[in-house]
All heavy atoms as atom14 arrays in JSON, in Angstrom:
{
  "sequence": "LKELNFKHNQKDLLFIVMHNYNKEFTHVTPLNLYHYINGLKIDRKHLN",
  "atom14_mask": [
    [1, 1, 1, 1, 1, 1, 1, 1, 0, 0, 0, 0, 0, 0],
    [1, 1, 1, 1, 1, 1, 1, 1, 1, 0, 0, 0, 0, 0],
    [1, 1, 1, 1, 1, 1, 1, 1, 1, 0, 0, 0, 0, 0],
    [1, 1, 1, 1, 1, 1, 1, 1, 0, 0, 0, 0, 0, 0],
    [1, 1, 1, 1, 1, 1, 1, 1, 0, 0, 0, 0, 0, 0],
    [1, 1, 1, 1, 1, 1, 1, 1, 1, 1, 1, 0, 0, 0],
    [1, 1, 1, 1, 1, 1, 1, 1, 1, 0, 0, 0, 0, 0],
    [1, 1, 1, 1, 1, 1, 1, 1, 1, 1, 0, 0, 0, 0],
    [1, 1, 1, 1, 1, 1, 1, 1, 0, 0, 0, 0, 0, 0],
    [1, 1, 1, 1, 1, 1, 1, 1, 1, 0, 0, 0, 0, 0],
    [1, 1, 1, 1, 1, 1, 1, 1, 1, 0, 0, 0, 0, 0],
    [1, 1, 1, 1, 1, 1, 1, 1, 0, 0, 0, 0, 0, 0],
    [1, 1, 1, 1, 1, 1, 1, 1, 0, 0, 0, 0, 0, 0],
    [1, 1, 1, 1, 1, 1, 1, 1, 0, 0, 0, 0, 0, 0],
    [1, 1, 1, 1, 1, 1, 1, 1, 1, 1, 1, 0, 0, 0],
    [1, 1, 1, 1, 1, 1, 1, 1, 0, 0, 0, 0, 0, 0],
    [1, 1, 1, 1, 1, 1, 1, 0, 0, 0, 0, 0, 0, 0],
    [1, 1, 1, 1, 1, 1, 1, 1, 0, 0, 0, 0, 0, 0],
    [1, 1, 1, 1, 1, 1, 1, 1, 1, 1, 0, 0, 0, 0],
    [1, 1, 1, 1, 1, 1, 1, 1, 0, 0, 0, 0, 0, 0],
    [1, 1, 1, 1, 1, 1, 1, 1, 1, 1, 1, 1, 0, 0],
    [1, 1, 1, 1, 1, 1, 1, 1, 0, 0, 0, 0, 0, 0],
    [1, 1, 1, 1, 1, 1, 1, 1, 1, 0, 0, 0, 0, 0],
    [1, 1, 1, 1, 1, 1, 1, 1, 1, 0, 0, 0, 0, 0],
    [1, 1, 1, 1, 1, 1, 1, 1, 1, 1, 1, 0, 0, 0],
    [1, 1, 1, 1, 1, 1, 1, 0, 0, 0, 0, 0, 0, 0],
    [1, 1, 1, 1, 1, 1, 1, 1, 1, 1, 0, 0, 0, 0],
    [1, 1, 1, 1, 1, 1, 1, 0, 0, 0, 0, 0, 0, 0],
    [1, 1, 1, 1, 1, 1, 1, 0, 0, 0, 0, 0, 0, 0],
    [1, 1, 1, 1, 1, 1, 1, 0, 0, 0, 0, 0, 0, 0],
    [1, 1, 1, 1, 1, 1, 1, 1, 0, 0, 0, 0, 0, 0],
    [1, 1, 1, 1, 1, 1, 1, 1, 0, 0, 0, 0, 0, 0],
    [1, 1, 1, 1, 1, 1, 1, 1, 0, 0, 0, 0, 0, 0],
    [1, 1, 1, 1, 1, 1, 1, 1, 1, 1, 1, 1, 0, 0],
    [1, 1, 1, 1, 1, 1, 1, 1, 1, 1, 0, 0, 0, 0],
    [1, 1, 1, 1, 1, 1, 1, 1, 1, 1, 1, 1, 0, 0],
    [1, 1, 1, 1, 1, 1, 1, 1, 0, 0, 0, 0, 0, 0],
    [1, 1, 1, 1, 1, 1, 1, 1, 0, 0, 0, 0, 0, 0],
    [1, 1, 1, 1, 0, 0, 0, 0, 0, 0, 0, 0, 0, 0],
    [1, 1, 1, 1, 1, 1, 1, 1, 0, 0, 0, 0, 0, 0],
    [1, 1, 1, 1, 1, 1, 1, 1, 1, 0, 0, 0, 0, 0],
    [1, 1, 1, 1, 1, 1, 1, 1, 0, 0, 0, 0, 0, 0],
    [1, 1, 1, 1, 1, 1, 1, 1, 0, 0, 0, 0, 0, 0],
    [1, 1, 1, 1, 1, 1, 1, 1, 1, 1, 1, 0, 0, 0],
    [1, 1, 1, 1, 1, 1, 1, 1, 1, 0, 0, 0, 0, 0],
    [1, 1, 1, 1, 1, 1, 1, 1, 1, 1, 0, 0, 0, 0],
    [1, 1, 1, 1, 1, 1, 1, 1, 0, 0, 0, 0, 0, 0],
    [1, 1, 1, 1, 1, 1, 1, 1, 0, 0, 0, 0, 0, 0]
  ],
  "atom14_positions": [
    [[60.76, 37.61, 27.44], [61.87, 38.3, 28.16], [62.68, 39.09, 27.08], [63.18, 40.17, 27.33], [62.8, 37.28, 28.9], [62.12, 36.62, 30.2], [62.96, 35.59, 30.68], [61.87, 37.76, 31.2], [0.0, 0.0, 0.0], [0.0, 0.0, 0.0], [0.0, 0.0, 0.0], [0.0, 0.0, 0.0], [0.0, 0.0, 0.0], [0.0, 0.0, 0.0]],
    [[62.82, 38.43, 25.95], [63.62, 39.1, 24.89], [62.91, 40.32, 24.36], [63.39, 41.35, 24.03], [63.74, 38.12, 23.72], [64.78, 37.06, 23.95], [64.85, 36.1, 22.68], [65.71, 34.91, 23.13], [65.47, 33.81, 22.13], [0.0, 0.0, 0.0], [0.0, 0.0, 0.0], [0.0, 0.0, 0.0], [0.0, 0.0, 0.0], [0.0, 0.0, 0.0]],
    [[61.46, 40.29, 24.29], [60.74, 41.42, 23.96], [60.95, 42.6, 24.96], [60.86, 43.84, 24.55], [59.24, 41.12, 24.0], [58.71, 40.4, 22.83], [57.24, 39.93, 23.01], [56.52, 40.61, 23.86], [56.76, 38.98, 22.5], [0.0, 0.0, 0.0], [0.0, 0.0, 0.0], [0.0, 0.0, 0.0], [0.0, 0.0, 0.0], [0.0, 0.0, 0.0]],
    [[61.22, 42.31, 26.13], [61.47, 43.32, 27.2], [62.98, 43.7, 27.17], [63.46, 44.32, 28.15], [61.11, 42.71, 28.53], [59.62, 42.43, 28.78], [59.31, 41.68, 30.0], [58.78, 43.76, 28.65], [0.0, 0.0, 0.0], [0.0, 0.0, 0.0], [0.0, 0.0, 0.0], [0.0, 0.0, 0.0], [0.0, 0.0, 0.0], [0.0, 0.0, 0.0]],
    [[63.76, 43.2, 26.22], [65.18, 43.43, 26.01], [65.97, 42.88, 27.31], [66.93, 43.63, 27.81], [65.44, 44.93, 25.84], [64.96, 45.38, 24.53], [65.1, 44.69, 23.54], [64.43, 46.6, 24.44], [0.0, 0.0, 0.0], [0.0, 0.0, 0.0], [0.0, 0.0, 0.0], [0.0, 0.0, 0.0], [0.0, 0.0, 0.0], [0.0, 0.0, 0.0]],
    [[65.51, 41.81, 27.82], [66.15, 41.22, 29.03], [67.04, 40.07, 28.55], [66.49, 39.01, 28.03], [65.12, 40.78, 30.0], [65.65, 40.28, 31.29], [66.13, 41.18, 32.23], [65.9, 38.98, 31.5], [66.72, 40.8, 33.44], [66.47, 38.51, 32.69], [66.91, 39.37, 33.59], [0.0, 0.0, 0.0], [0.0, 0.0, 0.0], [0.0, 0.0, 0.0]],
    [[68.31, 40.21, 28.62], [69.27, 39.19, 28.24], [69.22, 38.06, 29.31], [69.32, 38.28, 30.49], [70.67, 39.78, 28.11], [70.84, 40.8, 26.98], [72.2, 41.21, 26.82], [72.22, 42.27, 25.67], [73.49, 42.7, 25.35], [0.0, 0.0, 0.0], [0.0, 0.0, 0.0], [0.0, 0.0, 0.0], [0.0, 0.0, 0.0], [0.0, 0.0, 0.0]],
    [[69.08, 36.85, 28.76], [69.14, 35.71, 29.58], [69.59, 34.5, 28.85], [69.64, 34.48, 27.58], [67.69, 35.44, 30.17], [66.76, 35.15, 29.07], [66.28, 36.18, 28.27], [66.18, 34.03, 28.71], [65.41, 35.61, 27.36], [65.36, 34.33, 27.66], [0.0, 0.0, 0.0], [0.0, 0.0, 0.0], [0.0, 0.0, 0.0], [0.0, 0.0, 0.0]],
    [[69.9, 33.41, 29.61], [70.31, 32.17, 29.04], [69.2, 31.19, 29.2], [68.68, 31.1, 30.29], [71.63, 31.69, 29.71], [72.04, 30.35, 29.36], [71.35, 29.37, 29.28], [73.35, 30.23, 28.98], [0.0, 0.0, 0.0], [0.0, 0.0, 0.0], [0.0, 0.0, 0.0], [0.0, 0.0, 0.0], [0.0, 0.0, 0.0], [0.0, 0.0, 0.0]],
    [[68.76, 30.46, 28.13], [67.71, 29.5, 28.22], [67.85, 28.48, 29.27], [66.98, 28.11, 30.01], [67.42, 28.86, 26.88], [66.27, 27.95, 26.83], [65.06, 28.58, 26.28], [65.06, 29.78, 25.87], [63.97, 27.95, 26.22], [0.0, 0.0, 0.0], [0.0, 0.0, 0.0], [0.0, 0.0, 0.0], [0.0, 0.0, 0.0], [0.0, 0.0, 0.0]],
    [[69.01, 27.98, 29.39], [69.31, 26.96, 30.48], [69.15, 27.47, 31.91], [68.59, 26.84, 32.71], [70.78, 26.37, 30.29], [71.02, 25.16, 31.05], [72.46, 24.65, 31.0], [72.76, 24.0, 29.66], [74.08, 23.47, 29.59], [0.0, 0.0, 0.0], [0.0, 0.0, 0.0], [0.0, 0.0, 0.0], [0.0, 0.0, 0.0], [0.0, 0.0, 0.0]],
    [[69.66, 28.66, 32.12], [69.51, 29.4, 33.41], [68.01, 29.61, 33.66], [67.56, 29.48, 34.78], [70.29, 30.74, 33.44], [71.79, 30.46, 33.31], [72.21, 29.35, 33.58], [72.46, 31.51, 33.1], [0.0, 0.0, 0.0], [0.0, 0.0, 0.0], [0.0, 0.0, 0.0], [0.0, 0.0, 0.0], [0.0, 0.0, 0.0], [0.0, 0.0, 0.0]],
    [[67.28, 30.09, 32.67], [65.89, 30.33, 32.84], [65.13, 29.08, 33.25], [64.37, 29.11, 34.31], [65.25, 30.78, 31.41], [63.76, 31.08, 31.38], [63.45, 32.14, 32.42], [63.38, 31.44, 30.03], [0.0, 0.0, 0.0], [0.0, 0.0, 0.0], [0.0, 0.0, 0.0], [0.0, 0.0, 0.0], [0.0, 0.0, 0.0], [0.0, 0.0, 0.0]],
    [[65.43, 27.94, 32.6], [64.73, 26.67, 33.08], [65.15, 26.37, 34.53], [64.36, 25.98, 35.34], [65.2, 25.55, 32.13], [64.66, 24.19, 32.5], [63.17, 24.2, 32.46], [65.14, 23.14, 31.61], [0.0, 0.0, 0.0], [0.0, 0.0, 0.0], [0.0, 0.0, 0.0], [0.0, 0.0, 0.0], [0.0, 0.0, 0.0], [0.0, 0.0, 0.0]],
    [[66.46, 26.51, 34.93], [66.92, 26.26, 36.27], [66.21, 27.11, 37.32], [65.72, 26.52, 38.21], [68.43, 26.48, 36.35], [68.89, 26.27, 37.72], [69.17, 25.1, 38.34], [69.25, 27.47, 38.48], [69.64, 24.98, 39.54], [69.68, 27.34, 39.74], [69.87, 26.11, 40.33], [0.0, 0.0, 0.0], [0.0, 0.0, 0.0], [0.0, 0.0, 0.0]],
    [[66.03, 28.34, 36.95], [65.44, 29.29, 37.95], [63.94, 28.98, 38.03], [63.28, 29.04, 39.12], [65.68, 30.75, 37.64], [67.17, 30.99, 37.83], [64.84, 31.73, 38.35], [67.81, 32.31, 37.32], [0.0, 0.0, 0.0], [0.0, 0.0, 0.0], [0.0, 0.0, 0.0], [0.0, 0.0, 0.0], [0.0, 0.0, 0.0], [0.0, 0.0, 0.0]],
    [[63.29, 28.73, 36.91], [61.83, 28.4, 36.93], [61.61, 27.12, 37.63], [60.68, 27.15, 38.45], [61.31, 28.28, 35.38], [59.94, 27.69, 35.45], [61.27, 29.72, 34.71], [0.0, 0.0, 0.0], [0.0, 0.0, 0.0], [0.0, 0.0, 0.0], [0.0, 0.0, 0.0], [0.0, 0.0, 0.0], [0.0, 0.0, 0.0], [0.0, 0.0, 0.0]],
    [[62.45, 26.17, 37.5], [62.25, 24.94, 38.14], [62.54, 25.07, 39.76], [61.74, 24.53, 40.54], [63.15, 23.84, 37.6], [62.76, 23.22, 36.32], [61.1, 22.61, 36.25], [61.27, 21.23, 37.44], [0.0, 0.0, 0.0], [0.0, 0.0, 0.0], [0.0, 0.0, 0.0], [0.0, 0.0, 0.0], [0.0, 0.0, 0.0], [0.0, 0.0, 0.0]],
    [[63.56, 25.92, 40.04], [63.86, 26.12, 41.42], [62.59, 26.79, 42.16], [62.19, 26.39, 43.12], [65.0, 27.01, 41.49], [65.38, 27.48, 42.94], [65.93, 26.53, 43.83], [65.3, 28.6, 43.47], [66.12, 27.14, 44.97], [65.75, 28.38, 44.79], [0.0, 0.0, 0.0], [0.0, 0.0, 0.0], [0.0, 0.0, 0.0], [0.0, 0.0, 0.0]],
    [[62.02, 27.87, 41.5], [60.89, 28.57, 41.93], [59.66, 27.59, 42.1], [58.98, 27.67, 43.05], [60.48, 29.8, 41.2], [61.58, 30.87, 41.3], [62.3, 30.82, 42.3], [61.62, 31.73, 40.43], [0.0, 0.0, 0.0], [0.0, 0.0, 0.0], [0.0, 0.0, 0.0], [0.0, 0.0, 0.0], [0.0, 0.0, 0.0], [0.0, 0.0, 0.0]],
    [[59.48, 26.88, 41.03], [58.32, 25.88, 41.01], [58.42, 24.97, 42.2], [57.47, 24.74, 42.89], [58.32, 25.2, 39.75], [57.14, 24.22, 39.66], [55.87, 24.6, 39.17], [57.37, 22.8, 39.84], [54.81, 23.68, 39.14], [56.34, 21.93, 39.73], [55.1, 22.38, 39.35], [54.07, 21.49, 39.25], [0.0, 0.0, 0.0], [0.0, 0.0, 0.0]],
    [[59.6, 24.47, 42.42], [59.75, 23.43, 43.49], [59.6, 24.08, 44.93], [59.3, 23.41, 45.81], [61.13, 22.74, 43.36], [61.19, 21.75, 42.21], [60.12, 21.21, 41.97], [62.33, 21.71, 41.57], [0.0, 0.0, 0.0], [0.0, 0.0, 0.0], [0.0, 0.0, 0.0], [0.0, 0.0, 0.0], [0.0, 0.0, 0.0], [0.0, 0.0, 0.0]],
    [[59.86, 25.4, 45.01], [59.65, 26.13, 46.24], [58.17, 26.24, 46.55], [57.69, 26.18, 47.7], [60.3, 27.52, 46.25], [61.78, 27.57, 46.55], [62.34, 28.92, 46.83], [62.04, 29.91, 45.68], [62.7, 31.13, 45.84], [0.0, 0.0, 0.0], [0.0, 0.0, 0.0], [0.0, 0.0, 0.0], [0.0, 0.0, 0.0], [0.0, 0.0, 0.0]],
    [[57.39, 26.41, 45.53], [55.93, 26.69, 45.59], [55.08, 25.45, 45.7], [54.09, 25.39, 46.41], [55.51, 27.62, 44.51], [55.89, 29.04, 44.59], [55.24, 29.9, 43.62], [53.96, 29.79, 43.47], [55.91, 30.67, 42.93], [0.0, 0.0, 0.0], [0.0, 0.0, 0.0], [0.0, 0.0, 0.0], [0.0, 0.0, 0.0], [0.0, 0.0, 0.0]],
    [[55.56, 24.38, 45.04], [54.73, 23.25, 44.9], [55.52, 21.89, 45.36], [56.67, 21.81, 44.89], [54.19, 22.94, 43.53], [53.42, 24.14, 42.92], [54.05, 25.14, 42.13], [52.15, 24.38, 43.32], [53.36, 26.19, 41.65], [51.36, 25.44, 42.77], [52.08, 26.3, 41.98], [0.0, 0.0, 0.0], [0.0, 0.0, 0.0], [0.0, 0.0, 0.0]],
    [[54.92, 21.09, 46.1], [55.59, 19.97, 46.58], [55.36, 18.79, 45.56], [56.19, 17.92, 45.52], [55.04, 19.52, 47.99], [53.68, 19.41, 47.98], [55.48, 20.54, 49.07], [0.0, 0.0, 0.0], [0.0, 0.0, 0.0], [0.0, 0.0, 0.0], [0.0, 0.0, 0.0], [0.0, 0.0, 0.0], [0.0, 0.0, 0.0], [0.0, 0.0, 0.0]],
    [[54.27, 18.74, 44.85], [53.98, 17.76, 43.98], [54.19, 18.22, 42.53], [53.36, 19.09, 42.05], [52.56, 17.21, 44.19], [52.24, 16.1, 43.25], [52.91, 14.93, 43.3], [51.3, 15.94, 42.28], [52.38, 14.01, 42.39], [51.4, 14.66, 41.82], [0.0, 0.0, 0.0], [0.0, 0.0, 0.0], [0.0, 0.0, 0.0], [0.0, 0.0, 0.0]],
    [[55.15, 17.79, 41.87], [55.53, 18.21, 40.55], [54.83, 17.35, 39.44], [55.08, 16.15, 39.45], [57.04, 18.29, 40.35], [57.34, 18.76, 38.89], [57.73, 19.18, 41.26], [0.0, 0.0, 0.0], [0.0, 0.0, 0.0], [0.0, 0.0, 0.0], [0.0, 0.0, 0.0], [0.0, 0.0, 0.0], [0.0, 0.0, 0.0], [0.0, 0.0, 0.0]],
    [[54.0, 17.99, 38.64], [53.43, 17.22, 37.5], [53.71, 18.0, 36.25], [53.85, 19.23, 36.29], [51.98, 16.95, 37.68], [51.3, 18.21, 37.47], [51.58, 16.33, 39.01], [0.0, 0.0, 0.0], [0.0, 0.0, 0.0], [0.0, 0.0, 0.0], [0.0, 0.0, 0.0], [0.0, 0.0, 0.0], [0.0, 0.0, 0.0], [0.0, 0.0, 0.0]],
    [[53.94, 17.36, 35.18], [54.29, 18.0, 33.98], [53.17, 19.04, 33.54], [53.5, 20.14, 33.07], [54.37, 16.87, 32.85], [54.74, 15.64, 33.66], [54.01, 15.85, 34.93], [0.0, 0.0, 0.0], [0.0, 0.0, 0.0], [0.0, 0.0, 0.0], [0.0, 0.0, 0.0], [0.0, 0.0, 0.0], [0.0, 0.0, 0.0], [0.0, 0.0, 0.0]],
    [[51.96, 18.74, 33.77], [50.86, 19.6, 33.38], [50.84, 20.79, 34.3], [50.68, 21.97, 33.81], [49.44, 18.87, 33.45], [48.37, 19.65, 32.86], [48.6, 19.99, 31.42], [47.04, 18.87, 32.99], [0.0, 0.0, 0.0], [0.0, 0.0, 0.0], [0.0, 0.0, 0.0], [0.0, 0.0, 0.0], [0.0, 0.0, 0.0], [0.0, 0.0, 0.0]],
    [[51.06, 20.69, 35.58], [51.12, 21.83, 36.49], [52.35, 22.74, 36.14], [52.17, 23.93, 36.14], [51.33, 21.39, 37.93], [50.03, 20.78, 38.46], [48.98, 20.89, 37.93], [50.2, 20.21, 39.73], [0.0, 0.0, 0.0], [0.0, 0.0, 0.0], [0.0, 0.0, 0.0], [0.0, 0.0, 0.0], [0.0, 0.0, 0.0], [0.0, 0.0, 0.0]],
    [[53.43, 22.13, 35.83], [54.7, 22.86, 35.4], [54.22, 23.81, 34.12], [54.7, 24.87, 34.04], [55.88, 21.96, 35.19], [57.02, 22.69, 34.71], [57.58, 23.7, 35.74], [58.22, 21.6, 34.53], [0.0, 0.0, 0.0], [0.0, 0.0, 0.0], [0.0, 0.0, 0.0], [0.0, 0.0, 0.0], [0.0, 0.0, 0.0], [0.0, 0.0, 0.0]],
    [[53.64, 23.08, 33.21], [53.25, 23.7, 31.99], [52.38, 25.07, 32.31], [52.6, 26.19, 31.75], [52.5, 22.85, 31.0], [51.79, 23.49, 29.87], [52.55, 23.96, 28.8], [50.42, 23.64, 29.94], [51.77, 24.65, 27.78], [49.71, 24.28, 28.85], [50.51, 24.74, 27.78], [49.78, 25.38, 26.81], [0.0, 0.0, 0.0], [0.0, 0.0, 0.0]],
    [[51.42, 24.82, 33.11], [50.55, 25.99, 33.54], [51.27, 27.01, 34.21], [51.08, 28.19, 34.16], [49.31, 25.46, 34.23], [48.3, 24.7, 33.53], [47.7, 25.28, 32.4], [47.77, 23.43, 33.64], [46.92, 24.34, 31.81], [46.99, 23.34, 32.57], [0.0, 0.0, 0.0], [0.0, 0.0, 0.0], [0.0, 0.0, 0.0], [0.0, 0.0, 0.0]],
    [[52.2, 26.52, 35.1], [53.02, 27.52, 35.89], [53.93, 28.46, 34.98], [53.94, 29.64, 35.12], [53.85, 26.74, 36.84], [54.9, 27.58, 37.66], [54.41, 28.27, 38.72], [56.27, 27.63, 37.36], [55.25, 29.1, 39.48], [57.1, 28.42, 38.12], [56.61, 29.13, 39.19], [57.45, 29.93, 39.86], [0.0, 0.0, 0.0], [0.0, 0.0, 0.0]],
    [[54.55, 27.79, 33.91], [55.35, 28.51, 33.02], [54.47, 29.53, 32.23], [54.91, 30.64, 32.02], [56.12, 27.56, 32.15], [57.22, 26.72, 32.86], [56.89, 28.33, 30.97], [57.81, 25.64, 32.11], [0.0, 0.0, 0.0], [0.0, 0.0, 0.0], [0.0, 0.0, 0.0], [0.0, 0.0, 0.0], [0.0, 0.0, 0.0], [0.0, 0.0, 0.0]],
    [[53.4, 29.02, 31.76], [52.48, 29.92, 31.07], [51.97, 31.13, 31.92], [51.83, 32.25, 31.38], [51.28, 29.18, 30.42], [51.51, 28.6, 29.11], [52.25, 29.24, 28.37], [50.84, 27.54, 28.79], [0.0, 0.0, 0.0], [0.0, 0.0, 0.0], [0.0, 0.0, 0.0], [0.0, 0.0, 0.0], [0.0, 0.0, 0.0], [0.0, 0.0, 0.0]],
    [[51.85, 30.87, 33.18], [51.33, 31.93, 34.1], [52.39, 32.93, 34.33], [51.99, 34.13, 34.42], [0.0, 0.0, 0.0], [0.0, 0.0, 0.0], [0.0, 0.0, 0.0], [0.0, 0.0, 0.0], [0.0, 0.0, 0.0], [0.0, 0.0, 0.0], [0.0, 0.0, 0.0], [0.0, 0.0, 0.0], [0.0, 0.0, 0.0], [0.0, 0.0, 0.0]],
    [[53.66, 32.55, 34.26], [54.73, 33.56, 34.45], [54.71, 34.54, 33.28], [55.11, 35.71, 33.5], [56.09, 32.83, 34.47], [56.46, 31.99, 35.69], [57.71, 31.21, 35.42], [56.57, 32.97, 36.91], [0.0, 0.0, 0.0], [0.0, 0.0, 0.0], [0.0, 0.0, 0.0], [0.0, 0.0, 0.0], [0.0, 0.0, 0.0], [0.0, 0.0, 0.0]],
    [[54.34, 34.07, 32.1], [54.41, 34.98, 30.95], [53.49, 36.17, 31.11], [53.68, 37.28, 30.59], [53.94, 34.26, 29.69], [54.95, 33.54, 29.0], [54.53, 33.0, 27.63], [53.13, 32.58, 27.65], [52.76, 31.46, 26.76], [0.0, 0.0, 0.0], [0.0, 0.0, 0.0], [0.0, 0.0, 0.0], [0.0, 0.0, 0.0], [0.0, 0.0, 0.0]],
    [[52.32, 35.98, 31.69], [51.25, 36.9, 31.78], [51.09, 37.66, 32.99], [50.45, 38.73, 33.09], [49.87, 36.32, 31.43], [49.57, 35.17, 32.28], [49.76, 35.87, 29.92], [48.18, 34.62, 32.16], [0.0, 0.0, 0.0], [0.0, 0.0, 0.0], [0.0, 0.0, 0.0], [0.0, 0.0, 0.0], [0.0, 0.0, 0.0], [0.0, 0.0, 0.0]],
    [[51.83, 37.25, 34.1], [51.79, 37.93, 35.39], [52.93, 38.9, 35.47], [54.12, 38.39, 35.75], [51.7, 36.95, 36.52], [51.48, 37.55, 37.84], [52.11, 38.59, 38.11], [50.71, 37.01, 38.61], [0.0, 0.0, 0.0], [0.0, 0.0, 0.0], [0.0, 0.0, 0.0], [0.0, 0.0, 0.0], [0.0, 0.0, 0.0], [0.0, 0.0, 0.0]],
    [[52.85, 40.15, 35.43], [53.9, 41.08, 35.32], [54.72, 41.03, 36.68], [56.0, 41.15, 36.6], [53.31, 42.53, 35.12], [54.43, 43.5, 34.92], [55.23, 43.22, 33.69], [56.45, 43.98, 33.73], [57.21, 44.2, 32.62], [56.93, 43.68, 31.56], [58.31, 44.95, 32.77], [0.0, 0.0, 0.0], [0.0, 0.0, 0.0], [0.0, 0.0, 0.0]],
    [[54.13, 40.88, 37.78], [54.77, 40.84, 39.07], [55.69, 39.61, 39.08], [56.88, 39.71, 39.43], [53.79, 40.76, 40.24], [54.4, 40.66, 41.57], [53.35, 40.58, 42.73], [54.03, 40.29, 44.01], [53.14, 39.71, 44.96], [0.0, 0.0, 0.0], [0.0, 0.0, 0.0], [0.0, 0.0, 0.0], [0.0, 0.0, 0.0], [0.0, 0.0, 0.0]],
    [[55.21, 38.46, 38.74], [56.05, 37.28, 38.7], [57.16, 37.33, 37.73], [58.29, 36.94, 37.87], [55.25, 35.95, 38.43], [54.44, 35.61, 39.72], [53.07, 35.68, 39.7], [54.81, 35.12, 40.88], [52.69, 35.22, 40.97], [53.72, 34.83, 41.64], [0.0, 0.0, 0.0], [0.0, 0.0, 0.0], [0.0, 0.0, 0.0], [0.0, 0.0, 0.0]],
    [[56.8, 38.01, 36.55], [57.88, 38.21, 35.5], [58.94, 39.1, 36.0], [60.12, 38.77, 35.83], [57.22, 38.8, 34.3], [57.91, 38.63, 32.9], [58.23, 37.23, 32.67], [57.16, 39.23, 31.84], [0.0, 0.0, 0.0], [0.0, 0.0, 0.0], [0.0, 0.0, 0.0], [0.0, 0.0, 0.0], [0.0, 0.0, 0.0], [0.0, 0.0, 0.0]],
    [[58.63, 40.12, 36.71], [59.6, 41.05, 37.27], [60.44, 40.37, 38.35], [61.74, 40.52, 38.38], [58.99, 42.27, 37.96], [58.52, 43.29, 36.89], [58.98, 43.27, 35.82], [57.53, 44.1, 37.24], [0.0, 0.0, 0.0], [0.0, 0.0, 0.0], [0.0, 0.0, 0.0], [0.0, 0.0, 0.0], [0.0, 0.0, 0.0], [0.0, 0.0, 0.0]]
  ]
}
């Protein structure tokens, strides 16, 4: 996000990522969350 010159707060980023993750998945596991966060980095639509 910083590379894209997008100002953000790390705590807010975690809150929003977790909120979105919980909307999409009913069963939260640490490994799934890890893959989800990594996926956000490379998917331009989700990043936008």
